[in-house]
Amino acid sequence: MIFVERPISAFFLFLCVTLLAAQVYVRLRKPKALAAHDNAERNAVSTARPAE
């Protein structure tokens, strides 16, 4: 088996899978953070404006 003969290839495969999983995790988690950030900006803008 190639991973037994060349353990460095197993390391690179593990590294690629880990980085890919991290990218997917951040992409799925990011909209929640952006939504909270947008809500905070809207609240800050709405409180900065005088009431009509």
PDB file of N, CA and C in Angstrom:
ATOM      1  N   MET A   1       0.847  -1.188   0.000  1.00  0.00           N
ATOM      2  CA  MET A   1       0.000   0.000   0.000  1.00  0.00           C
ATOM      3  C   MET A   1       0.892   1.251   0.000  1.00  0.00           C
ATOM      4  N   ILE A   2       0.473   2.259  -0.731  1.00  0.00           N
ATOM      5  CA  ILE A   2       1.324   3.440  -0.949  1.00  0.00           C
ATOM      6  C   ILE A   2       1.544   4.234   0.338  1.00  0.00           C
ATOM      7  N   PHE A   3       0.538   4.244   1.229  1.00  0.00           N
ATOM      8  CA  PHE A   3       0.675   5.037   2.448  1.00  0.00           C
ATOM      9  C   PHE A   3       1.652   4.410   3.434  1.00  0.00           C
ATOM     10  N   VAL A   4       1.818   3.093   3.345  1.00  0.00           N
ATOM     11  CA  VAL A   4       2.787   2.413   4.206  1.00  0.00           C
ATOM     12  C   VAL A   4       4.193   2.617   3.649  1.00  0.00           C
ATOM     13  N   GLU A   5       4.314   2.550   2.311  1.00  0.00           N
ATOM     14  CA  GLU A   5       5.625   2.732   1.691  1.00  0.00           C
ATOM     15  C   GLU A   5       6.084   4.184   1.764  1.00  0.00           C
ATOM     16  N   ARG A   6       5.137   5.099   1.591  1.00  0.00           N
ATOM     17  CA  ARG A   6       5.465   6.537   1.591  1.00  0.00           C
ATOM     18  C   ARG A   6       4.542   7.279   2.550  1.00  0.00           C
ATOM     19  N   PRO A   7       4.895   7.335   3.807  1.00  0.00           N
ATOM     20  CA  PRO A   7       4.006   7.984   4.784  1.00  0.00           C
ATOM     21  C   PRO A   7       3.803   9.480   4.534  1.00  0.00           C
ATOM     22  N   ILE A   8       4.726  10.104   3.775  1.00  0.00           N
ATOM     23  CA  ILE A   8       4.567  11.531   3.503  1.00  0.00           C
ATOM     24  C   ILE A   8       3.323  11.767   2.649  1.00  0.00           C
ATOM     25  N   SER A   9       2.974  10.843   1.776  1.00  0.00           N
ATOM     26  CA  SER A   9       1.774  11.010   0.959  1.00  0.00           C
ATOM     27  C   SER A   9       0.519  10.940   1.832  1.00  0.00           C
ATOM     28  N   ALA A  10       0.535  10.112   2.852  1.00  0.00           N
ATOM     29  CA  ALA A  10      -0.592  10.054   3.784  1.00  0.00           C
ATOM     30  C   ALA A  10      -0.715  11.373   4.537  1.00  0.00           C
ATOM     31  N   PHE A  11       0.419  11.978   4.881  1.00  0.00           N
ATOM     32  CA  PHE A  11       0.401  13.268   5.574  1.00  0.00           C
ATOM     33  C   PHE A  11      -0.201  14.350   4.682  1.00  0.00           C
ATOM     34  N   PHE A  12       0.202  14.387   3.413  1.00  0.00           N
ATOM     35  CA  PHE A  12      -0.335  15.392   2.506  1.00  0.00           C
ATOM     36  C   PHE A  12      -1.823  15.171   2.257  1.00  0.00           C
ATOM     37  N   LEU A  13      -2.240  13.934   2.152  1.00  0.00           N
ATOM     38  CA  LEU A  13      -3.661  13.639   1.984  1.00  0.00           C
ATOM     39  C   LEU A  13      -4.441  14.103   3.213  1.00  0.00           C
ATOM     40  N   PHE A  14      -3.920  13.820   4.394  1.00  0.00           N
ATOM     41  CA  PHE A  14      -4.559  14.272   5.634  1.00  0.00           C
ATOM     42  C   PHE A  14      -4.624  15.790   5.696  1.00  0.00           C
ATOM     43  N   LEU A  15      -3.541  16.450   5.279  1.00  0.00           N
ATOM     44  CA  LEU A  15      -3.491  17.906   5.292  1.00  0.00           C
ATOM     45  C   LEU A  15      -4.539  18.492   4.332  1.00  0.00           C
ATOM     46  N   CYS A  16      -4.640  17.926   3.149  1.00  0.00           N
ATOM     47  CA  CYS A  16      -5.623  18.412   2.169  1.00  0.00           C
ATOM     48  C   CYS A  16      -7.048  18.231   2.678  1.00  0.00           C
ATOM     49  N   VAL A  17      -7.338  17.079   3.226  1.00  0.00           N
ATOM     50  CA  VAL A  17      -8.683  16.820   3.746  1.00  0.00           C
ATOM     51  C   VAL A  17      -9.000  17.762   4.902  1.00  0.00           C
ATOM     52  N   THR A  18      -8.019  17.999   5.770  1.00  0.00           N
ATOM     53  CA  THR A  18      -8.226  18.898   6.904  1.00  0.00           C
ATOM     54  C   THR A  18      -8.489  20.329   6.438  1.00  0.00           C
ATOM     55  N   LEU A  19      -7.716  20.806   5.472  1.00  0.00           N
ATOM     56  CA  LEU A  19      -7.912  22.165   4.975  1.00  0.00           C
ATOM     57  C   LEU A  19      -9.246  22.304   4.249  1.00  0.00           C
ATOM     58  N   LEU A  20      -9.622  21.300   3.500  1.00  0.00           N
ATOM     59  CA  LEU A  20     -10.910  21.323   2.806  1.00  0.00           C
ATOM     60  C   LEU A  20     -12.062  21.349   3.809  1.00  0.00           C
ATOM     61  N   ALA A  21     -11.968  20.530   4.837  1.00  0.00           N
ATOM     62  CA  ALA A  21     -13.010  20.500   5.868  1.00  0.00           C
ATOM     63  C   ALA A  21     -13.082  21.842   6.602  1.00  0.00           C
ATOM     64  N   ALA A  22     -11.941  22.465   6.841  1.00  0.00           N
ATOM     65  CA  ALA A  22     -11.930  23.763   7.514  1.00  0.00           C
ATOM     66  C   ALA A  22     -12.599  24.822   6.646  1.00  0.00           C
ATOM     67  N   GLN A  23     -12.357  24.791   5.340  1.00  0.00           N
ATOM     68  CA  GLN A  23     -12.988  25.754   4.446  1.00  0.00           C
ATOM     69  C   GLN A  23     -14.498  25.575   4.421  1.00  0.00           C
ATOM     70  N   VAL A  24     -14.953  24.337   4.361  1.00  0.00           N
ATOM     71  CA  VAL A  24     -16.394  24.068   4.363  1.00  0.00           C
ATOM     72  C   VAL A  24     -17.009  24.541   5.668  1.00  0.00           C
ATOM     73  N   TYR A  25     -16.342  24.271   6.776  1.00  0.00           N
ATOM     74  CA  TYR A  25     -16.858  24.687   8.083  1.00  0.00           C
ATOM     75  C   TYR A  25     -16.987  26.208   8.167  1.00  0.00           C
ATOM     76  N   VAL A  26     -15.960  26.916   7.719  1.00  0.00           N
ATOM     77  CA  VAL A  26     -15.998  28.379   7.784  1.00  0.00           C
ATOM     78  C   VAL A  26     -17.077  28.932   6.865  1.00  0.00           C
ATOM     79  N   ARG A  27     -17.237  28.353   5.686  1.00  0.00           N
ATOM     80  CA  ARG A  27     -18.268  28.834   4.755  1.00  0.00           C
ATOM     81  C   ARG A  27     -19.664  28.619   5.324  1.00  0.00           C
ATOM     82  N   LEU A  28     -19.876  27.503   5.993  1.00  0.00           N
ATOM     83  CA  LEU A  28     -21.198  27.232   6.558  1.00  0.00           C
ATOM     84  C   LEU A  28     -21.460  28.059   7.811  1.00  0.00           C
ATOM     85  N   ARG A  29     -20.418  28.376   8.541  1.00  0.00           N
ATOM     86  CA  ARG A  29     -20.566  29.127   9.785  1.00  0.00           C
ATOM     87  C   ARG A  29     -20.634  30.629   9.516  1.00  0.00           C
ATOM     88  N   LYS A  30     -20.025  31.092   8.433  1.00  0.00           N
ATOM     89  CA  LYS A  30     -19.882  32.518   8.174  1.00  0.00           C
ATOM     90  C   LYS A  30     -21.206  33.276   8.038  1.00  0.00           C
ATOM     91  N   PRO A  31     -22.230  32.752   7.358  1.00  0.00           N
ATOM     92  CA  PRO A  31     -23.470  33.531   7.234  1.00  0.00           C
ATOM     93  C   PRO A  31     -24.085  33.915   8.576  1.00  0.00           C
ATOM     94  N   LYS A  32     -23.982  33.044   9.564  1.00  0.00           N
ATOM     95  CA  LYS A  32     -24.516  33.379  10.887  1.00  0.00           C
ATOM     96  C   LYS A  32     -23.761  34.571  11.479  1.00  0.00           C
ATOM     97  N   ALA A  33     -22.447  34.563  11.334  1.00  0.00           N
ATOM     98  CA  ALA A  33     -21.643  35.667  11.860  1.00  0.00           C
ATOM     99  C   ALA A  33     -21.930  36.950  11.093  1.00  0.00           C
ATOM    100  N   LEU A  34     -22.085  36.838   9.777  1.00  0.00           N
ATOM    101  CA  LEU A  34     -22.373  38.028   8.982  1.00  0.00           C
ATOM    102  C   LEU A  34     -23.750  38.584   9.318  1.00  0.00           C
ATOM    103  N   ALA A  35     -24.711  37.702   9.542  1.00  0.00           N
ATOM    104  CA  ALA A  35     -26.055  38.160   9.888  1.00  0.00           C
ATOM    105  C   ALA A  35     -26.040  38.899  11.215  1.00  0.00           C
ATOM    106  N   ALA A  36     -25.315  38.399  12.173  1.00  0.00           N
ATOM    107  CA  ALA A  36     -25.216  39.079  13.465  1.00  0.00           C
ATOM    108  C   ALA A  36     -24.503  40.417  13.315  1.00  0.00           C
ATOM    109  N   HIS A  37     -23.475  40.438  12.474  1.00  0.00           N
ATOM    110  CA  HIS A  37     -22.735  41.686  12.236  1.00  0.00           C
ATOM    111  C   HIS A  37     -23.623  42.711  11.540  1.00  0.00           C
ATOM    112  N   ASP A  38     -24.392  42.268  10.542  1.00  0.00           N
ATOM    113  CA  ASP A  38     -25.292  43.175   9.833  1.00  0.00           C
ATOM    114  C   ASP A  38     -26.369  43.717  10.769  1.00  0.00           C
ATOM    115  N   ASN A  39     -26.900  42.868  11.623  1.00  0.00           N
ATOM    116  CA  ASN A  39     -27.916  43.323  12.585  1.00  0.00           C
ATOM    117  C   ASN A  39     -27.324  44.354  13.538  1.00  0.00           C
ATOM    118  N   ALA A  40     -26.098  44.141  13.960  1.00  0.00           N
ATOM    119  CA  ALA A  40     -25.446  45.096  14.856  1.00  0.00           C
ATOM    120  C   ALA A  40     -25.229  46.431  14.144  1.00  0.00           C
ATOM    121  N   GLU A  41     -24.845  46.364  12.871  1.00  0.00           N
ATOM    122  CA  GLU A  41     -24.656  47.608  12.116  1.00  0.00           C
ATOM    123  C   GLU A  41     -25.986  48.341  11.933  1.00  0.00           C
ATOM    124  N   ARG A  42     -27.040  47.595  11.636  1.00  0.00           N
ATOM    125  CA  ARG A  42     -28.355  48.228  11.468  1.00  0.00           C
ATOM    126  C   ARG A  42     -28.812  48.884  12.769  1.00  0.00           C
ATOM    127  N   ASN A  43     -28.568  48.212  13.882  1.00  0.00           N
ATOM    128  CA  ASN A  43     -28.958  48.774  15.174  1.00  0.00           C
ATOM    129  C   ASN A  43     -28.139  50.020  15.487  1.00  0.00           C
ATOM    130  N   ALA A  44     -26.859  49.996  15.150  1.00  0.00           N
ATOM    131  CA  ALA A  44     -26.011  51.158  15.412  1.00  0.00           C
ATOM    132  C   ALA A  44     -26.435  52.332  14.542  1.00  0.00           C
ATOM    133  N   VAL A  45     -26.766  52.062  13.299  1.00  0.00           N
ATOM    134  CA  VAL A  45     -27.189  53.126  12.391  1.00  0.00           C
ATOM    135  C   VAL A  45     -28.550  53.668  12.818  1.00  0.00           C
ATOM    136  N   SER A  46     -29.448  52.767  13.193  1.00  0.00           N
ATOM    137  CA  SER A  46     -30.782  53.235  13.557  1.00  0.00           C
ATOM    138  C   SER A  46     -30.760  54.041  14.855  1.00  0.00           C
ATOM    139  N   THR A  47     -29.857  53.732  15.771  1.00  0.00           N
ATOM    140  CA  THR A  47     -29.788  54.496  17.010  1.00  0.00           C
ATOM    141  C   THR A  47     -29.058  55.824  16.795  1.00  0.00           C
ATOM    142  N   ALA A  48     -28.228  55.889  15.744  1.00  0.00           N
ATOM    143  CA  ALA A  48     -27.508  57.133  15.473  1.00  0.00           C
ATOM    144  C   ALA A  48     -28.398  58.173  14.820  1.00  0.00           C
ATOM    145  N   ARG A  49     -29.443  57.735  14.134  1.00  0.00           N
ATOM    146  CA  ARG A  49     -30.336  58.666  13.466  1.00  0.00           C
ATOM    147  C   ARG A  49     -31.346  59.244  14.479  1.00  0.00           C
ATOM    148  N   PRO A  50     -31.696  60.488  14.320  1.00  0.00           N
ATOM    149  CA  PRO A  50     -32.725  61.031  15.218  1.00  0.00           C
ATOM    150  C   PRO A  50     -34.096  60.442  14.883  1.00  0.00           C
ATOM    151  N   ALA A  51     -34.902  60.287  15.879  1.00  0.00           N
ATOM    152  CA  ALA A  51     -36.239  59.732  15.679  1.00  0.00           C
ATOM    153  C   ALA A  51     -37.123  60.730  14.958  1.00  0.00           C
ATOM    154  N   GLU A  52     -37.878  60.210  13.996  1.00  0.00           N
ATOM    155  CA  GLU A  52     -38.771  61.112  13.234  1.00  0.00           C
ATOM    156  C   GLU A  52     -40.179  61.041  13.749  1.00  0.00           C
TER     157      GLU A  52
END
